PDB file of N, CA and C in Angstrom:
ATOM      1  N   UNK A   1     -18.822 106.483 180.270  1.00  0.00           N
ATOM      2  CA  UNK A   1     -20.345 107.024 180.637  1.00  0.00           C
ATOM      3  C   UNK A   1     -21.128 107.514 179.694  1.00  0.00           C
ATOM      4  N   UNK A   2     -22.536 107.328 180.106  1.00  0.00           N
ATOM      5  CA  UNK A   2     -23.298 107.894 179.289  1.00  0.00           C
ATOM      6  C   UNK A   2     -23.201 109.194 179.873  1.00  0.00           C
ATOM      7  N   UNK A   3     -23.626 110.904 178.484  1.00  0.00           N
ATOM      8  CA  UNK A   3     -24.165 111.849 178.987  1.00  0.00           C
ATOM      9  C   UNK A   3     -24.935 112.115 179.607  1.00  0.00           C
ATOM     10  N   UNK A   4     -24.259 113.514 180.956  1.00  0.00           N
ATOM     11  CA  UNK A   4     -25.291 113.670 181.991  1.00  0.00           C
ATOM     12  C   UNK A   4     -25.897 115.464 181.774  1.00  0.00           C
ATOM     13  N   UNK A   5     -27.055 115.697 180.968  1.00  0.00           N
ATOM     14  CA  UNK A   5     -26.921 117.444 181.296  1.00  0.00           C
ATOM     15  C   UNK A   5     -28.335 117.963 182.827  1.00  0.00           C
ATOM     16  N   UNK A   6     -27.358 118.786 183.115  1.00  0.00           N
ATOM     17  CA  UNK A   6     -28.123 119.467 184.265  1.00  0.00           C
ATOM     18  C   UNK A   6     -28.857 120.787 183.527  1.00  0.00           C
ATOM     19  N   UNK A   7     -30.544 120.305 184.324  1.00  0.00           N
ATOM     20  CA  UNK A   7     -30.691 121.737 184.247  1.00  0.00           C
ATOM     21  C   UNK A   7     -31.142 122.562 185.254  1.00  0.00           C
ATOM     22  N   UNK A   8     -30.334 123.888 185.084  1.00  0.00           N
ATOM     23  CA  UNK A   8     -31.800 124.876 186.303  1.00  0.00           C
ATOM     24  C   UNK A   8     -30.518 125.884 186.226  1.00  0.00           C
ATOM     25  N   UNK A   9     -30.436 126.850 187.018  1.00  0.00           N
ATOM     26  CA  UNK A   9     -29.912 128.331 187.705  1.00  0.00           C
ATOM     27  C   UNK A   9     -28.562 127.897 188.525  1.00  0.00           C
ATOM     28  N   UNK A  10     -27.310 128.584 187.684  1.00  0.00           N
ATOM     29  CA  UNK A  10     -26.335 128.767 187.573  1.00  0.00           C
ATOM     30  C   UNK A  10     -26.152 129.567 189.116  1.00  0.00           C
ATOM     31  N   UNK A  11     -26.405 130.052 189.516  1.00  0.00           N
ATOM     32  CA  UNK A  11     -26.546 130.805 190.878  1.00  0.00           C
ATOM     33  C   UNK A  11     -27.276 129.889 191.721  1.00  0.00           C
ATOM     34  N   UNK A  12     -28.229 128.797 191.953  1.00  0.00           N
ATOM     35  CA  UNK A  12     -28.894 127.936 192.749  1.00  0.00           C
ATOM     36  C   UNK A  12     -27.511 127.260 193.737  1.00  0.00           C
ATOM     37  N   UNK A  13     -28.135 127.612 195.209  1.00  0.00           N
ATOM     38  CA  UNK A  13     -27.384 126.315 196.258  1.00  0.00           C
ATOM     39  C   UNK A  13     -27.172 125.025 195.536  1.00  0.00           C
ATOM     40  N   UNK A  14     -28.350 124.697 195.084  1.00  0.00           N
ATOM     41  CA  UNK A  14     -28.631 123.254 195.031  1.00  0.00           C
ATOM     42  C   UNK A  14     -28.077 122.962 194.546  1.00  0.00           C
ATOM     43  N   UNK A  15     -28.327 124.011 193.276  1.00  0.00           N
ATOM     44  CA  UNK A  15     -27.336 123.771 191.703  1.00  0.00           C
ATOM     45  C   UNK A  15     -25.282 123.667 192.318  1.00  0.00           C
ATOM     46  N   UNK A  16     -25.306 124.692 193.071  1.00  0.00           N
ATOM     47  CA  UNK A  16     -24.046 124.778 193.575  1.00  0.00           C
ATOM     48  C   UNK A  16     -22.970 122.835 194.229  1.00  0.00           C
ATOM     49  N   UNK A  17     -24.349 122.846 195.409  1.00  0.00           N
ATOM     50  CA  UNK A  17     -23.481 121.569 195.842  1.00  0.00           C
ATOM     51  C   UNK A  17     -23.835 120.276 194.518  1.00  0.00           C
ATOM     52  N   UNK A  18     -24.519 120.266 194.032  1.00  0.00           N
ATOM     53  CA  UNK A  18     -24.315 119.853 192.400  1.00  0.00           C
ATOM     54  C   UNK A  18     -23.574 119.650 191.631  1.00  0.00           C
ATOM     55  N   UNK A  19     -23.042 120.766 190.992  1.00  0.00           N
ATOM     56  CA  UNK A  19     -21.905 120.757 190.535  1.00  0.00           C
ATOM     57  C   UNK A  19     -20.650 120.117 190.932  1.00  0.00           C
ATOM     58  N   UNK A  20     -20.411 120.631 192.487  1.00  0.00           N
ATOM     59  CA  UNK A  20     -19.645 120.304 193.207  1.00  0.00           C
ATOM     60  C   UNK A  20     -18.850 118.534 193.975  1.00  0.00           C
ATOM     61  N   UNK A  21     -20.224 118.292 193.403  1.00  0.00           N
ATOM     62  CA  UNK A  21     -20.073 116.138 193.784  1.00  0.00           C
ATOM     63  C   UNK A  21     -19.801 116.047 192.547  1.00  0.00           C
ATOM     64  N   UNK A  22     -20.524 116.459 191.530  1.00  0.00           N
ATOM     65  CA  UNK A  22     -20.116 115.902 190.224  1.00  0.00           C
ATOM     66  C   UNK A  22     -19.190 115.961 189.700  1.00  0.00           C
ATOM     67  N   UNK A  23     -18.194 117.268 189.531  1.00  0.00           N
ATOM     68  CA  UNK A  23     -16.740 117.506 189.686  1.00  0.00           C
ATOM     69  C   UNK A  23     -15.760 117.036 191.071  1.00  0.00           C
ATOM     70  N   UNK A  24     -16.479 116.139 191.930  1.00  0.00           N
ATOM     71  CA  UNK A  24     -15.446 115.865 192.687  1.00  0.00           C
ATOM     72  C   UNK A  24     -15.710 114.082 192.370  1.00  0.00           C
ATOM     73  N   UNK A  25     -16.769 113.761 191.514  1.00  0.00           N
ATOM     74  CA  UNK A  25     -16.382 112.557 191.349  1.00  0.00           C
ATOM     75  C   UNK A  25     -16.519 112.652 189.907  1.00  0.00           C
ATOM     76  N   UNK A  26     -15.885 113.033 189.475  1.00  0.00           N
ATOM     77  CA  UNK A  26     -15.737 112.617 187.761  1.00  0.00           C
ATOM     78  C   UNK A  26     -15.784 112.617 187.155  1.00  0.00           C
ATOM     79  N   UNK A  27     -17.404 113.121 187.211  1.00  0.00           N
ATOM     80  CA  UNK A  27     -19.199 112.903 186.275  1.00  0.00           C
ATOM     81  C   UNK A  27     -18.243 114.386 185.690  1.00  0.00           C
ATOM     82  N   UNK A  28     -18.475 113.534 184.003  1.00  0.00           N
ATOM     83  CA  UNK A  28     -18.708 115.043 182.990  1.00  0.00           C
ATOM     84  C   UNK A  28     -20.451 114.667 182.538  1.00  0.00           C
ATOM     85  N   UNK A  29     -20.561 116.231 182.889  1.00  0.00           N
ATOM     86  CA  UNK A  29     -22.508 116.714 182.247  1.00  0.00           C
ATOM     87  C   UNK A  29     -21.799 118.295 181.528  1.00  0.00           C
ATOM     88  N   UNK A  30     -23.217 118.087 181.020  1.00  0.00           N
ATOM     89  CA  UNK A  30     -23.569 119.166 180.077  1.00  0.00           C
ATOM     90  C   UNK A  30     -24.303 120.009 181.148  1.00  0.00           C
ATOM     91  N   UNK A  31     -24.045 121.613 180.715  1.00  0.00           N
ATOM     92  CA  UNK A  31     -25.057 122.120 181.827  1.00  0.00           C
ATOM     93  C   UNK A  31     -26.326 123.202 181.040  1.00  0.00           C
ATOM     94  N   UNK A  32     -27.779 123.114 181.204  1.00  0.00           N
ATOM     95  CA  UNK A  32     -28.480 124.049 180.164  1.00  0.00           C
ATOM     96  C   UNK A  32     -28.588 125.305 181.462  1.00  0.00           C
ATOM     97  N   UNK A  33     -28.784 126.125 181.759  1.00  0.00           N
ATOM     98  CA  UNK A  33     -28.699 127.363 182.668  1.00  0.00           C
ATOM     99  C   UNK A  33     -30.287 127.834 181.975  1.00  0.00           C
ATOM    100  N   UNK A  34     -31.275 128.054 182.484  1.00  0.00           N
ATOM    101  CA  UNK A  34     -32.841 128.239 182.853  1.00  0.00           C
ATOM    102  C   UNK A  34     -32.539 129.874 181.846  1.00  0.00           C
ATOM    103  N   UNK A  35     -31.698 130.730 183.094  1.00  0.00           N
ATOM    104  CA  UNK A  35     -31.993 132.398 182.533  1.00  0.00           C
ATOM    105  C   UNK A  35     -30.990 132.484 181.207  1.00  0.00           C
ATOM    106  N   UNK A  36     -30.867 131.723 180.381  1.00  0.00           N
ATOM    107  CA  UNK A  36     -29.747 132.472 179.592  1.00  0.00           C
ATOM    108  C   UNK A  36     -30.296 131.851 178.480  1.00  0.00           C
ATOM    109  N   UNK A  37     -31.276 130.500 178.769  1.00  0.00           N
ATOM    110  CA  UNK A  37     -31.708 129.363 177.514  1.00  0.00           C
ATOM    111  C   UNK A  37     -32.961 128.810 177.309  1.00  0.00           C
ATOM    112  N   UNK A  38     -33.382 129.205 178.603  1.00  0.00           N
ATOM    113  CA  UNK A  38     -35.235 129.132 178.697  1.00  0.00           C
ATOM    114  C   UNK A  38     -35.086 127.453 178.855  1.00  0.00           C
ATOM    115  N   UNK A  39     -36.282 127.356 179.122  1.00  0.00           N
ATOM    116  CA  UNK A  39     -36.136 125.375 179.523  1.00  0.00           C
ATOM    117  C   UNK A  39     -36.131 124.569 178.141  1.00  0.00           C
ATOM    118  N   UNK A  40     -35.463 123.657 178.528  1.00  0.00           N
ATOM    119  CA  UNK A  40     -35.225 122.499 177.256  1.00  0.00           C
ATOM    120  C   UNK A  40     -36.971 121.843 177.329  1.00  0.00           C
ATOM    121  N   UNK A  41     -37.494 121.726 175.932  1.00  0.00           N
ATOM    122  CA  UNK A  41     -38.847 120.971 176.159  1.00  0.00           C
ATOM    123  C   UNK A  41     -38.022 120.063 176.491  1.00  0.00           C
ATOM    124  N   UNK A  42     -37.494 118.899 175.289  1.00  0.00           N
ATOM    125  CA  UNK A  42     -37.868 117.460 175.383  1.00  0.00           C
ATOM    126  C   UNK A  42     -37.108 116.807 177.137  1.00  0.00           C
ATOM    127  N   UNK A  43     -36.317 117.639 177.791  1.00  0.00           N
ATOM    128  CA  UNK A  43     -36.067 117.462 179.481  1.00  0.00           C
ATOM    129  C   UNK A  43     -37.220 117.383 180.321  1.00  0.00           C
ATOM    130  N   UNK A  44     -38.007 118.527 180.087  1.00  0.00           N
ATOM    131  CA  UNK A  44     -39.400 118.964 180.682  1.00  0.00           C
ATOM    132  C   UNK A  44     -40.005 118.154 180.725  1.00  0.00           C
ATOM    133  N   UNK A  45     -40.698 117.470 179.488  1.00  0.00           N
ATOM    134  CA  UNK A  45     -41.467 116.386 179.541  1.00  0.00           C
ATOM    135  C   UNK A  45     -40.763 115.106 179.935  1.00  0.00           C
ATOM    136  N   UNK A  46     -39.972 114.829 179.833  1.00  0.00           N
ATOM    137  CA  UNK A  46     -39.166 113.681 179.872  1.00  0.00           C
ATOM    138  C   UNK A  46     -39.916 113.339 181.771  1.00  0.00           C
ATOM    139  N   UNK A  47     -39.142 114.837 182.202  1.00  0.00           N
ATOM    140  CA  UNK A  47     -39.421 114.498 183.959  1.00  0.00           C
ATOM    141  C   UNK A  47     -40.496 114.426 184.251  1.00  0.00           C
ATOM    142  N   UNK A  48     -41.804 115.034 183.522  1.00  0.00           N
ATOM    143  CA  UNK A  48     -43.225 114.800 183.859  1.00  0.00           C
ATOM    144  C   UNK A  48     -43.937 114.083 183.818  1.00  0.00           C
ATOM    145  N   UNK A  49     -43.370 113.156 182.663  1.00  0.00           N
ATOM    146  CA  UNK A  49     -43.184 112.265 182.409  1.00  0.00           C
ATOM    147  C   UNK A  49     -43.511 110.630 183.497  1.00  0.00           C
ATOM    148  N   UNK A  50     -42.071 111.108 183.669  1.00  0.00           N
ATOM    149  CA  UNK A  50     -41.639 110.513 184.563  1.00  0.00           C
ATOM    150  C   UNK A  50     -41.911 110.857 186.241  1.00  0.00           C
ATOM    151  N   UNK A  51     -42.082 111.798 186.418  1.00  0.00           N
ATOM    152  CA  UNK A  51     -42.061 112.032 187.690  1.00  0.00           C
ATOM    153  C   UNK A  51     -43.252 113.111 188.456  1.00  0.00           C
ATOM    154  N   UNK A  52     -44.101 113.448 187.098  1.00  0.00           N
ATOM    155  CA  UNK A  52     -45.254 114.143 187.209  1.00  0.00           C
ATOM    156  C   UNK A  52     -45.328 115.814 187.497  1.00  0.00           C
ATOM    157  N   UNK A  53     -46.241 116.399 187.414  1.00  0.00           N
ATOM    158  CA  UNK A  53     -46.293 118.267 187.443  1.00  0.00           C
ATOM    159  C   UNK A  53     -45.804 117.785 189.048  1.00  0.00           C
ATOM    160  N   UNK A  54     -46.743 117.385 190.372  1.00  0.00           N
ATOM    161  CA  UNK A  54     -46.535 117.763 191.515  1.00  0.00           C
ATOM    162  C   UNK A  54     -44.793 117.824 191.660  1.00  0.00           C
ATOM    163  N   UNK A  55     -44.115 117.124 191.752  1.00  0.00           N
ATOM    164  CA  UNK A  55     -43.130 116.538 191.768  1.00  0.00           C
ATOM    165  C   UNK A  55     -42.144 117.372 190.952  1.00  0.00           C
ATOM    166  N   UNK A  56     -42.283 117.555 189.613  1.00  0.00           N
ATOM    167  CA  UNK A  56     -41.530 118.594 189.161  1.00  0.00           C
ATOM    168  C   UNK A  56     -41.445 120.112 189.320  1.00  0.00           C
ATOM    169  N   UNK A  57     -42.898 120.716 189.391  1.00  0.00           N
ATOM    170  CA  UNK A  57     -42.962 121.897 189.970  1.00  0.00           C
ATOM    171  C   UNK A  57     -43.397 122.082 191.379  1.00  0.00           C
ATOM    172  N   UNK A  58     -41.629 123.015 191.756  1.00  0.00           N
ATOM    173  CA  UNK A  58     -41.386 123.375 192.724  1.00  0.00           C
ATOM    174  C   UNK A  58     -42.744 124.471 193.060  1.00  0.00           C
ATOM    175  N   UNK A  59     -43.603 124.038 194.070  1.00  0.00           N
ATOM    176  CA  UNK A  59     -44.569 124.677 195.010  1.00  0.00           C
ATOM    177  C   UNK A  59     -43.982 125.411 196.128  1.00  0.00           C
ATOM    178  N   UNK A  60     -43.046 125.485 196.399  1.00  0.00           N
ATOM    179  CA  UNK A  60     -42.612 126.072 197.784  1.00  0.00           C
ATOM    180  C   UNK A  60     -42.048 127.819 197.236  1.00  0.00           C
ATOM    181  N   UNK A  61     -41.727 127.793 196.402  1.00  0.00           N
ATOM    182  CA  UNK A  61     -40.658 128.870 195.764  1.00  0.00           C
ATOM    183  C   UNK A  61     -41.323 130.181 195.477  1.00  0.00           C
ATOM    184  N   UNK A  62     -41.436 131.855 194.951  1.00  0.00           N
ATOM    185  CA  UNK A  62     -42.314 132.540 194.683  1.00  0.00           C
ATOM    186  C   UNK A  62     -42.591 132.712 193.104  1.00  0.00           C
ATOM    187  N   UNK A  63     -41.871 132.083 192.583  1.00  0.00           N
ATOM    188  CA  UNK A  63     -43.278 131.835 191.397  1.00  0.00           C
ATOM    189  C   UNK A  63     -43.961 130.665 191.370  1.00  0.00           C
ATOM    190  N   UNK A  64     -44.312 130.352 192.363  1.00  0.00           N
ATOM    191  CA  UNK A  64     -45.501 129.502 192.800  1.00  0.00           C
ATOM    192  C   UNK A  64     -46.500 130.623 193.192  1.00  0.00           C
ATOM    193  N   UNK A  65     -45.906 130.751 194.008  1.00  0.00           N
ATOM    194  CA  UNK A  65     -46.456 132.178 194.794  1.00  0.00           C
ATOM    195  C   UNK A  65     -47.358 132.897 194.006  1.00  0.00           C
ATOM    196  N   UNK A  66     -46.655 132.952 192.858  1.00  0.00           N
ATOM    197  CA  UNK A  66     -46.847 135.101 191.835  1.00  0.00           C
ATOM    198  C   UNK A  66     -48.081 134.186 191.674  1.00  0.00           C
ATOM    199  N   UNK A  67     -48.117 132.631 190.750  1.00  0.00           N
ATOM    200  CA  UNK A  67     -48.802 132.321 189.658  1.00  0.00           C
ATOM    201  C   UNK A  67     -50.717 132.871 190.062  1.00  0.00           C
ATOM    202  N   UNK A  68     -51.603 132.930 189.577  1.00  0.00           N
ATOM    203  CA  UNK A  68     -52.619 132.928 189.462  1.00  0.00           C
ATOM    204  C   UNK A  68     -53.321 131.982 190.472  1.00  0.00           C
ATOM    205  N   UNK A  69     -54.767 132.397 191.198  1.00  0.00           N
ATOM    206  CA  UNK A  69     -54.620 131.007 191.869  1.00  0.00           C
ATOM    207  C   UNK A  69     -55.887 129.827 191.152  1.00  0.00           C
ATOM    208  N   UNK A  70     -56.483 130.642 189.430  1.00  0.00           N
ATOM    209  CA  UNK A  70     -56.621 129.378 188.796  1.00  0.00           C
ATOM    210  C   UNK A  70     -55.555 128.985 188.268  1.00  0.00           C
ATOM    211  N   UNK A  71     -54.440 128.943 187.817  1.00  0.00           N
ATOM    212  CA  UNK A  71     -53.355 128.335 187.287  1.00  0.00           C
ATOM    213  C   UNK A  71     -52.853 127.267 188.429  1.00  0.00           C
ATOM    214  N   UNK A  72     -52.856 128.076 189.515  1.00  0.00           N
ATOM    215  CA  UNK A  72     -52.599 126.258 190.588  1.00  0.00           C
ATOM    216  C   UNK A  72     -53.621 125.520 191.222  1.00  0.00           C
ATOM    217  N   UNK A  73     -54.872 126.177 190.973  1.00  0.00           N
ATOM    218  CA  UNK A  73     -55.930 124.904 190.897  1.00  0.00           C
ATOM    219  C   UNK A  73     -55.782 124.331 189.839  1.00  0.00           C
ATOM    220  N   UNK A  74     -56.143 124.239 189.064  1.00  0.00           N
ATOM    221  CA  UNK A  74     -55.951 123.768 187.777  1.00  0.00           C
ATOM    222  C   UNK A  74     -54.877 123.222 187.071  1.00  0.00           C
ATOM    223  N   UNK A  75     -53.538 122.977 187.789  1.00  0.00           N
ATOM    224  CA  UNK A  75     -52.566 122.665 187.181  1.00  0.00           C
ATOM    225  C   UNK A  75     -52.509 121.102 186.602  1.00  0.00           C
ATOM    226  N   UNK A  76     -51.901 120.602 185.802  1.00  0.00           N
ATOM    227  CA  UNK A  76     -51.762 119.813 185.551  1.00  0.00           C
ATOM    228  C   UNK A  76     -51.206 119.311 183.937  1.00  0.00           C
ATOM    229  N   UNK A  77     -50.386 118.598 183.445  1.00  0.00           N
ATOM    230  CA  UNK A  77     -49.127 118.811 182.703  1.00  0.00           C
ATOM    231  C   UNK A  77     -49.095 119.571 181.847  1.00  0.00           C
ATOM    232  N   UNK A  78     -50.165 119.929 180.977  1.00  0.00           N
ATOM    233  CA  UNK A  78     -50.353 120.619 180.106  1.00  0.00           C
ATOM    234  C   UNK A  78     -49.700 122.805 180.659  1.00  0.00           C
ATOM    235  N   UNK A  79     -50.357 122.323 181.614  1.00  0.00           N
ATOM    236  CA  UNK A  79     -49.716 123.694 182.506  1.00  0.00           C
ATOM    237  C   UNK A  79     -48.731 123.623 182.738  1.00  0.00           C
ATOM    238  N   UNK A  80     -48.931 123.035 183.764  1.00  0.00           N
ATOM    239  CA  UNK A  80     -46.963 123.150 184.294  1.00  0.00           C
ATOM    240  C   UNK A  80     -46.077 123.383 182.733  1.00  0.00           C
ATOM    241  N   UNK A  81     -46.517 122.422 181.531  1.00  0.00           N
ATOM    242  CA  UNK A  81     -45.255 122.689 180.685  1.00  0.00           C
ATOM    243  C   UNK A  81     -45.238 124.804 180.130  1.00  0.00           C
ATOM    244  N   UNK A  82     -46.586 124.779 180.088  1.00  0.00           N
ATOM    245  CA  UNK A  82     -46.718 126.113 179.614  1.00  0.00           C
ATOM    246  C   UNK A  82     -46.144 127.038 181.364  1.00  0.00           C
ATOM    247  N   UNK A  83     -46.116 126.560 181.865  1.00  0.00           N
ATOM    248  CA  UNK A  83     -46.330 127.903 182.908  1.00  0.00           C
ATOM    249  C   UNK A  83     -44.310 127.536 183.788  1.00  0.00           C
ATOM    250  N   UNK A  84     -44.052 125.887 182.971  1.00  0.00           N
ATOM    251  CA  UNK A  84     -42.406 125.992 183.235  1.00  0.00           C
ATOM    252  C   UNK A  84     -41.935 126.789 181.608  1.00  0.00           C
ATOM    253  N   UNK A  85     -42.393 126.711 180.553  1.00  0.00           N
ATOM    254  CA  UNK A  85     -41.732 127.613 179.624  1.00  0.00           C
ATOM    255  C   UNK A  85     -42.363 128.470 179.583  1.00  0.00           C
ATOM    256  N   UNK A  86     -42.723 129.167 180.482  1.00  0.00           N
ATOM    257  CA  UNK A  86     -42.764 130.862 180.236  1.00  0.00           C
ATOM    258  C   UNK A  86     -41.976 132.028 181.711  1.00  0.00           C
ATOM    259  N   UNK A  87     -42.290 130.698 182.654  1.00  0.00           N
ATOM    260  CA  UNK A  87     -41.049 130.767 183.988  1.00  0.00           C
ATOM    261  C   UNK A  87     -39.997 129.455 184.255  1.00  0.00           C
ATOM    262  N   UNK A  88     -39.112 129.243 183.368  1.00  0.00           N
ATOM    263  CA  UNK A  88     -38.449 128.179 184.199  1.00  0.00           C
ATOM    264  C   UNK A  88     -37.485 127.782 185.164  1.00  0.00           C
ATOM    265  N   UNK A  89     -37.913 128.707 186.287  1.00  0.00           N
ATOM    266  CA  UNK A  89     -36.964 129.072 187.910  1.00  0.00           C
ATOM    267  C   UNK A  89     -38.134 127.971 188.097  1.00  0.00           C
ATOM    268  N   UNK A  90     -39.779 128.675 188.181  1.00  0.00           N
ATOM    269  CA  UNK A  90     -40.716 127.060 188.616  1.00  0.00           C
ATOM    270  C   UNK A  90     -40.419 125.726 188.652  1.00  0.00           C
ATOM    271  N   UNK A  91     -39.217 125.104 187.725  1.00  0.00           N
ATOM    272  CA  UNK A  91     -39.661 123.836 187.519  1.00  0.00           C
ATOM    273  C   UNK A  91     -38.104 123.505 189.181  1.00  0.00           C
ATOM    274  N   UNK A  92     -38.319 122.471 189.969  1.00  0.00           N
ATOM    275  CA  UNK A  92     -37.195 121.871 190.589  1.00  0.00           C
ATOM    276  C   UNK A  92     -35.775 121.934 190.523  1.00  0.00           C
ATOM    277  N   UNK A  93     -34.507 122.667 191.176  1.00  0.00           N
ATOM    278  CA  UNK A  93     -33.699 122.055 190.761  1.00  0.00           C
ATOM    279  C   UNK A  93     -32.509 121.238 191.965  1.00  0.00           C
ATOM    280  N   UNK A  94     -31.606 120.673 190.955  1.00  0.00           N
ATOM    281  CA  UNK A  94     -31.784 120.698 189.397  1.00  0.00           C
ATOM    282  C   UNK A  94     -32.556 119.565 188.812  1.00  0.00           C
ATOM    283  N   UNK A  95     -32.528 119.237 187.790  1.00  0.00           N
ATOM    284  CA  UNK A  95     -33.409 118.484 186.609  1.00  0.00           C
ATOM    285  C   UNK A  95     -31.809 118.002 186.074  1.00  0.00           C
ATOM    286  N   UNK A  96     -32.077 116.639 186.420  1.00  0.00           N
ATOM    287  CA  UNK A  96     -31.081 115.998 185.483  1.00  0.00           C
ATOM    288  C   UNK A  96     -31.360 114.707 184.780  1.00  0.00           C
ATOM    289  N   UNK A  97     -30.920 114.659 183.655  1.00  0.00           N
ATOM    290  CA  UNK A  97     -31.480 113.595 182.040  1.00  0.00           C
ATOM    291  C   UNK A  97     -30.272 112.669 182.175  1.00  0.00           C
ATOM    292  N   UNK A  98     -30.225 111.702 182.604  1.00  0.00           N
ATOM    293  CA  UNK A  98     -29.522 110.434 182.122  1.00  0.00           C
ATOM    294  C   UNK A  98     -30.187 109.265 181.579  1.00  0.00           C
ATOM    295  N   UNK A  99     -28.972 108.344 180.518  1.00  0.00           N
ATOM    296  CA  UNK A  99     -29.427 107.894 180.539  1.00  0.00           C
ATOM    297  C   UNK A  99     -31.540 107.616 180.001  1.00  0.00           C
ATOM    298  N   UNK A 100     -31.460 108.289 179.246  1.00  0.00           N
ATOM    299  CA  UNK A 100     -33.774 109.440 179.672  1.00  0.00           C
ATOM    300  C   UNK A 100     -34.735 108.369 180.964  1.00  0.00           C
ATOM    301  N   UNK A 101     -33.474 109.079 181.779  1.00  0.00           N
ATOM    302  CA  UNK A 101     -33.893 108.884 183.493  1.00  0.00           C
ATOM    303  C   UNK A 101     -34.144 110.801 183.885  1.00  0.00           C
ATOM    304  N   UNK A 102     -34.874 110.654 184.739  1.00  0.00           N
ATOM    305  CA  UNK A 102     -35.335 112.110 185.578  1.00  0.00           C
ATOM    306  C   UNK A 102     -35.007 112.114 186.861  1.00  0.00           C
ATOM    307  N   UNK A 103     -34.543 112.717 187.349  1.00  0.00           N
ATOM    308  CA  UNK A 103     -33.857 113.325 188.434  1.00  0.00           C
ATOM    309  C   UNK A 103     -34.391 114.276 188.866  1.00  0.00           C
ATOM    310  N   UNK A 104     -34.980 114.910 190.174  1.00  0.00           N
ATOM    311  CA  UNK A 104     -34.483 116.010 190.421  1.00  0.00           C
ATOM    312  C   UNK A 104     -33.978 115.843 192.042  1.00  0.00           C
ATOM    313  N   UNK A 105     -33.931 117.302 192.174  1.00  0.00           N
ATOM    314  CA  UNK A 105     -33.045 117.733 193.480  1.00  0.00           C
ATOM    315  C   UNK A 105     -31.447 117.050 193.638  1.00  0.00           C
ATOM    316  N   UNK A 106     -31.098 117.797 194.751  1.00  0.00           N
ATOM    317  CA  UNK A 106     -29.779 116.969 194.874  1.00  0.00           C
ATOM    318  C   UNK A 106     -29.644 115.693 196.083  1.00  0.00           C
ATOM    319  N   UNK A 107     -29.358 114.745 195.863  1.00  0.00           N
ATOM    320  CA  UNK A 107     -29.211 113.635 196.901  1.00  0.00           C
ATOM    321  C   UNK A 107     -28.131 112.673 196.673  1.00  0.00           C
ATOM    322  N   UNK A 108     -26.960 112.567 197.342  1.00  0.00           N
ATOM    323  CA  UNK A 108     -26.977 111.743 197.954  1.00  0.00           C
ATOM    324  C   UNK A 108     -25.828 110.632 197.310  1.00  0.00           C
ATOM    325  N   UNK A 109     -26.769 110.110 198.295  1.00  0.00           N
ATOM    326  CA  UNK A 109     -27.469 108.598 198.343  1.00  0.00           C
ATOM    327  C   UNK A 109     -27.642 108.033 196.690  1.00  0.00           C
ATOM    328  N   UNK A 110     -29.132 108.834 196.241  1.00  0.00           N
ATOM    329  CA  UNK A 110     -29.070 108.881 194.963  1.00  0.00           C
ATOM    330  C   UNK A 110     -28.259 108.828 193.467  1.00  0.00           C
ATOM    331  N   UNK A 111     -26.936 109.829 194.140  1.00  0.00           N
ATOM    332  CA  UNK A 111     -25.832 110.350 193.071  1.00  0.00           C
ATOM    333  C   UNK A 111     -25.033 109.579 193.030  1.00  0.00           C
ATOM    334  N   UNK A 112     -25.054 108.653 193.638  1.00  0.00           N
ATOM    335  CA  UNK A 112     -23.679 107.808 194.419  1.00  0.00           C
ATOM    336  C   UNK A 112     -24.597 106.311 193.486  1.00  0.00           C
ATOM    337  N   UNK A 113     -25.131 105.866 193.955  1.00  0.00           N
ATOM    338  CA  UNK A 113     -25.546 104.918 193.256  1.00  0.00           C
ATOM    339  C   UNK A 113     -25.903 104.861 191.383  1.00  0.00           C
ATOM    340  N   UNK A 114     -26.164 105.754 191.262  1.00  0.00           N
ATOM    341  CA  UNK A 114     -26.572 106.252 189.238  1.00  0.00           C
ATOM    342  C   UNK A 114     -25.229 106.334 188.966  1.00  0.00           C
ATOM    343  N   UNK A 115     -24.602 107.509 189.488  1.00  0.00           N
ATOM    344  CA  UNK A 115     -22.875 107.976 188.650  1.00  0.00           C
ATOM    345  C   UNK A 115     -21.270 106.604 189.278  1.00  0.00           C
ATOM    346  N   UNK A 116     -22.056 105.669 189.251  1.00  0.00           N
ATOM    347  CA  UNK A 116     -21.351 104.607 189.601  1.00  0.00           C
ATOM    348  C   UNK A 116     -19.794 104.824 189.234  1.00  0.00           C
ATOM    349  N   UNK A 117     -18.723 104.891 189.691  1.00  0.00           N
ATOM    350  CA  UNK A 117     -17.406 105.178 189.545  1.00  0.00           C
ATOM    351  C   UNK A 117     -16.978 103.481 188.676  1.00  0.00           C
TER     352      UNK A 117
END
């Protein structure tokens, strides 16, 4: 199986569901912790190119709410890269990169299709 890279924060409940699902289905992965390692620029750019900033950036969290209105009102890919680099927790979790494809969030149906045994 091609490598699976997971980006996020270890103690996030959605991340824990993802780890449990992948381990239960024997899907090996490499985890990149935003808190310890910051955002991975290549993974961020893949996600933004494939999904758009509107999907990649979590607009429901406290990090988004704390942004100045000017940043929220003028968000685009370049600003999303800057904001996510400074505040990695603003990126929806988990961000999974598999076969150069970005997946966001925990979804059993999508995981079952992509990680068929």
